[in-house]
Amino acid sequence: MDKKLLYYLTPVIYLVGGIILYSIIKFIVKRAFKRKHKLKMNEKTYNKLFTGAKFILNCVKAVIFIIVLCLILSHFGVNVKGLVAGLSILGLVVGLALQDILKDLISGAAIIADGSFALGDIVKIGDFAGIVQDIGLRTTKVKGDNGDVLIVHNKDINKVINSSFNKKEAYLEIELSSSLEYEKINKAVDRIRTTLKKDVNGHIKYLGITSTDNKYQIINLVMSIRPEEEKIIKEKII
């Protein structure tokens, strides 16, 4: 291969290599979390680990970017070590410029480590309430019921109300035909529980038939749910 061509292709190879490396790491992480029922953990633990994994992925992406950039600069003859040394001389200026970024990064890591909230939690930050969509290196995104998205710097999150910590009991009444036999009622209950289990991670208990008349018999279920699960179930029932 022509040396001149190789000279100009090398930076492209570095760049593509970095992209491929990050894509492989991202694929492995997403694959590991794809089927949460196989991980044998509760919803809260799963969300916390998944949030931490996404945060680490963002850090890995930044590190790979820096490494690729240094390799490309070095390839074109830039003295990377000298550049770093030069930056250290201006460390005070750079430190001041990056101060807010570092605060965001540290605050984001603290949020995940403390378990203050995770992806999918319903939180209230200031006067804004919604579901946590993303916890990035610098910002956290919360989506409200009306579709608005609050983007707030991690360092500015001082007080959070998390409505997803505690589960509550929800009762569900379902009318079935009074002509249904006991076995068919049990099968209907099993189908209902299977359907609800797609959105509910807590227990779903069948309480039995509470009342009956000539046309209908009412069965009752009780569920341990989180606020976001309650919203999904209401939408399905309505």
Protein backbone atom coordinates (compact mmCIF):
# COMPACT_ATOMS: atom_id res chain seq x y z
CA MET A 1 0.00 0.00 0.00
CA ASP A 2 1.21 3.47 -0.83
CA LYS A 3 2.81 5.10 2.22
CA LYS A 4 1.11 8.41 1.55
CA LEU A 5 -2.29 6.73 1.35
CA LEU A 6 -1.60 4.78 4.54
CA TYR A 7 -0.57 8.02 6.24
CA TYR A 8 -3.97 9.57 5.60
CA LEU A 9 -5.90 6.34 6.23
CA THR A 10 -4.39 5.74 9.67
CA PRO A 11 -6.45 8.45 11.45
CA VAL A 12 -9.58 7.00 9.83
CA ILE A 13 -8.60 3.55 11.11
CA TYR A 14 -8.14 4.98 14.62
CA LEU A 15 -11.55 6.65 14.44
CA VAL A 16 -13.37 3.60 13.08
CA GLY A 17 -11.58 1.39 15.61
CA GLY A 18 -12.75 3.62 18.45
CA ILE A 19 -16.34 3.55 17.17
CA ILE A 20 -16.28 -0.24 16.80
CA LEU A 21 -14.78 -0.70 20.29
CA TYR A 22 -17.46 1.47 21.88
CA SER A 23 -20.21 -0.26 19.87
CA ILE A 24 -19.02 -3.68 21.07
CA ILE A 25 -18.94 -2.57 24.72
CA LYS A 26 -22.37 -0.95 24.37
CA PHE A 27 -23.79 -4.09 22.74
CA ILE A 28 -22.45 -6.33 25.53
CA VAL A 29 -23.91 -4.10 28.26
CA LYS A 30 -27.32 -3.80 26.57
CA ARG A 31 -27.38 -7.53 25.89
CA ALA A 32 -26.72 -8.24 29.55
CA PHE A 33 -29.66 -6.08 30.63
CA LYS A 34 -32.03 -6.99 27.78
CA ARG A 35 -33.92 -9.71 29.64
CA LYS A 36 -34.22 -8.56 33.22
CA HIS A 37 -36.29 -11.57 34.32
CA LYS A 38 -33.20 -13.73 33.79
CA LEU A 39 -31.13 -11.56 36.11
CA LYS A 40 -33.29 -12.59 39.10
CA MET A 41 -33.38 -9.17 40.73
CA ASN A 42 -36.14 -6.80 41.76
CA GLU A 43 -37.14 -3.79 39.68
CA LYS A 44 -35.43 -1.23 41.90
CA THR A 45 -32.08 -3.06 41.84
CA TYR A 46 -32.34 -3.58 38.09
CA ASN A 47 -33.05 0.14 37.43
CA LYS A 48 -30.17 1.19 39.68
CA LEU A 49 -27.70 -1.16 37.95
CA PHE A 50 -28.95 -0.18 34.49
CA THR A 51 -28.60 3.52 35.34
CA GLY A 52 -25.05 2.92 36.58
CA ALA A 53 -24.22 0.95 33.43
CA LYS A 54 -25.44 3.79 31.19
CA PHE A 55 -23.41 6.31 33.18
CA ILE A 56 -20.29 4.14 32.88
CA LEU A 57 -20.92 3.77 29.14
CA ASN A 58 -20.90 7.56 28.84
CA CYS A 59 -17.57 7.65 30.71
CA VAL A 60 -16.14 4.92 28.45
CA LYS A 61 -17.23 6.89 25.38
CA ALA A 62 -15.44 9.99 26.67
CA VAL A 63 -12.25 8.01 27.44
CA ILE A 64 -12.24 6.33 24.02
CA PHE A 65 -12.72 9.73 22.36
CA ILE A 66 -9.75 11.20 24.25
CA ILE A 67 -7.54 8.20 23.40
CA VAL A 68 -8.47 8.32 19.70
CA LEU A 69 -7.89 12.08 19.61
CA CYS A 70 -4.43 11.66 21.18
CA LEU A 71 -3.53 8.91 18.70
CA ILE A 72 -4.59 11.06 15.75
CA LEU A 73 -2.71 14.12 17.02
CA SER A 74 0.36 11.99 17.68
CA HIS A 75 0.13 10.53 14.16
CA PHE A 76 0.24 14.02 12.67
CA GLY A 77 3.35 14.86 14.66
CA VAL A 78 1.78 16.74 17.55
CA ASN A 79 3.74 16.22 20.76
CA VAL A 80 0.91 14.97 22.97
CA LYS A 81 3.12 14.77 26.07
CA GLY A 82 4.27 18.32 25.49
CA LEU A 83 0.67 19.39 24.94
CA VAL A 84 -0.36 17.81 28.23
CA ALA A 85 2.59 19.46 29.96
CA GLY A 86 1.59 22.79 28.44
CA LEU A 87 -1.92 22.32 29.70
CA SER A 88 -0.60 21.57 33.17
CA ILE A 89 1.07 24.99 33.19
CA LEU A 90 -2.31 26.50 32.45
CA GLY A 91 -3.92 24.10 34.91
CA LEU A 92 -5.52 26.86 36.94
CA VAL A 93 -7.23 28.37 33.91
CA VAL A 94 -8.33 24.99 32.58
CA GLY A 95 -9.49 23.94 36.04
CA LEU A 96 -11.71 26.99 36.30
CA ALA A 97 -13.10 26.38 32.83
CA LEU A 98 -13.84 22.72 33.61
CA GLN A 99 -15.01 23.28 37.16
CA ASP A 100 -18.73 23.08 36.35
CA ILE A 101 -18.24 20.03 34.13
CA LEU A 102 -16.38 18.21 36.92
CA LYS A 103 -19.09 19.14 39.41
CA ASP A 104 -21.75 17.73 37.06
CA LEU A 105 -19.74 14.54 36.59
CA ILE A 106 -19.15 14.03 40.32
CA SER A 107 -22.78 14.84 41.14
CA GLY A 108 -24.00 12.37 38.52
CA ALA A 109 -21.79 9.63 39.99
CA ALA A 110 -23.03 10.49 43.49
CA ILE A 111 -26.69 10.28 42.39
CA ILE A 112 -26.12 6.76 41.03
CA ALA A 113 -23.98 5.61 43.96
CA ASP A 114 -26.47 6.89 46.55
CA GLY A 115 -29.45 5.49 44.64
CA SER A 116 -31.29 8.81 44.95
CA PHE A 117 -33.18 7.94 41.77
CA ALA A 118 -32.77 5.76 38.70
CA LEU A 119 -34.11 5.50 35.17
CA GLY A 120 -37.89 5.07 35.18
CA ASP A 121 -38.40 6.60 38.64
CA ILE A 122 -41.07 9.25 39.17
CA VAL A 123 -39.38 12.27 40.74
CA LYS A 124 -40.03 15.92 41.51
CA ILE A 125 -37.17 18.38 41.05
CA GLY A 126 -38.18 21.87 42.09
CA ASP A 127 -41.69 22.40 40.72
CA PHE A 128 -41.29 19.88 37.90
CA ALA A 129 -42.48 16.27 38.22
CA GLY A 130 -42.01 13.44 35.77
CA ILE A 131 -40.23 10.21 34.87
CA VAL A 132 -36.42 10.05 34.77
CA GLN A 133 -35.41 9.49 31.14
CA ASP A 134 -31.64 9.79 31.34
CA ILE A 135 -28.79 10.46 33.77
CA GLY A 136 -25.85 11.66 31.71
CA LEU A 137 -22.35 12.87 32.48
CA ARG A 138 -23.53 16.48 32.77
CA THR A 139 -27.32 16.53 32.86
CA THR A 140 -30.38 14.61 33.97
CA LYS A 141 -33.54 14.51 31.83
CA VAL A 142 -37.01 14.21 33.34
CA LYS A 143 -40.11 13.87 31.13
CA GLY A 144 -43.40 15.32 32.41
CA ASP A 145 -46.91 13.98 31.76
CA ASN A 146 -47.52 16.63 29.08
CA GLY A 147 -44.39 15.61 27.14
CA ASP A 148 -42.19 18.47 28.34
CA VAL A 149 -38.63 17.43 29.23
CA LEU A 150 -36.70 19.06 32.05
CA ILE A 151 -32.94 19.11 31.43
CA VAL A 152 -31.10 20.01 34.60
CA HIS A 153 -27.37 20.03 35.39
CA ASN A 154 -26.46 17.29 37.87
CA LYS A 155 -24.73 19.78 40.17
CA ASP A 156 -27.98 21.77 40.45
CA ILE A 157 -29.97 18.81 41.80
CA ASN A 158 -29.97 19.52 45.50
CA LYS A 159 -33.39 18.24 46.55
CA VAL A 160 -35.41 15.45 44.95
CA ILE A 161 -38.75 13.92 45.87
CA ASN A 162 -38.77 10.30 44.66
CA SER A 163 -42.25 8.79 44.48
CA SER A 164 -41.00 5.39 43.32
CA PHE A 165 -39.30 4.22 46.51
CA ASN A 166 -42.39 2.77 48.13
CA LYS A 167 -44.95 0.45 46.61
CA LYS A 168 -48.64 0.56 47.47
CA GLU A 169 -51.51 -1.90 47.37
CA ALA A 170 -53.92 -1.50 44.46
CA TYR A 171 -57.21 -3.38 44.21
CA LEU A 172 -58.76 -4.40 40.91
CA GLU A 173 -62.37 -5.53 40.44
CA ILE A 174 -63.27 -7.45 37.28
CA GLU A 175 -66.76 -8.46 36.17
CA LEU A 176 -67.18 -11.92 34.67
CA SER A 177 -70.27 -13.72 33.45
CA SER A 178 -72.10 -15.53 36.26
CA SER A 179 -72.39 -18.58 33.98
CA LEU A 180 -68.62 -19.20 34.06
CA GLU A 181 -67.58 -22.35 35.89
CA TYR A 182 -64.91 -22.44 38.60
CA GLU A 183 -62.20 -23.84 36.30
CA LYS A 184 -62.86 -21.23 33.61
CA ILE A 185 -62.73 -18.47 36.24
CA ASN A 186 -59.31 -19.71 37.39
CA LYS A 187 -58.08 -19.78 33.79
CA ALA A 188 -59.39 -16.24 33.27
CA VAL A 189 -57.61 -15.09 36.44
CA ASP A 190 -54.35 -16.73 35.26
CA ARG A 191 -54.59 -14.92 31.90
CA ILE A 192 -55.27 -11.59 33.62
CA ARG A 193 -52.33 -12.08 35.99
CA THR A 194 -50.04 -13.05 33.09
CA THR A 195 -51.07 -9.90 31.20
CA LEU A 196 -50.55 -7.65 34.25
CA LYS A 197 -47.19 -9.24 35.03
CA LYS A 198 -45.79 -7.61 31.88
CA ASP A 199 -46.11 -4.22 33.62
CA VAL A 200 -46.17 -5.13 37.32
CA ASN A 201 -43.08 -6.46 39.11
CA GLY A 202 -44.68 -6.93 42.53
CA HIS A 203 -47.05 -9.66 43.67
CA ILE A 204 -50.55 -10.07 42.19
CA LYS A 205 -52.86 -11.96 44.51
CA TYR A 206 -56.30 -13.34 43.66
CA LEU A 207 -58.75 -12.60 46.51
CA GLY A 208 -61.64 -14.60 45.09
CA ILE A 209 -65.23 -13.79 44.18
CA THR A 210 -66.57 -10.96 46.33
CA SER A 211 -70.10 -10.64 44.96
CA THR A 212 -72.40 -12.20 42.38
CA ASP A 213 -75.84 -11.77 40.83
CA ASN A 214 -77.84 -13.24 37.96
CA LYS A 215 -75.63 -11.64 35.27
CA TYR A 216 -72.19 -11.03 36.74
CA GLN A 217 -69.76 -12.22 39.36
CA ILE A 218 -67.02 -9.88 40.54
CA ILE A 219 -63.49 -11.16 41.18
CA ASN A 220 -60.88 -9.16 43.08
CA LEU A 221 -57.13 -8.90 42.64
CA VAL A 222 -54.65 -7.02 44.82
CA MET A 223 -51.27 -5.84 43.48
CA SER A 224 -48.13 -4.32 44.94
CA ILE A 225 -47.24 -1.58 42.47
CA ARG A 226 -45.08 1.49 41.96
CA PRO A 227 -46.60 4.83 40.84
CA GLU A 228 -45.43 4.46 37.23
CA GLU A 229 -46.89 0.95 37.07
CA GLU A 230 -50.24 2.26 38.34
CA LYS A 231 -50.38 4.74 35.45
CA ILE A 232 -49.69 2.03 32.85
CA ILE A 233 -52.33 -0.29 34.32
CA LYS A 234 -54.96 2.48 34.39
CA GLU A 235 -54.30 3.26 30.73
CA LYS A 236 -54.70 -0.41 29.80
CA ILE A 237 -57.89 -0.86 31.81
CA ILE A 238 -59.49 2.33 30.50
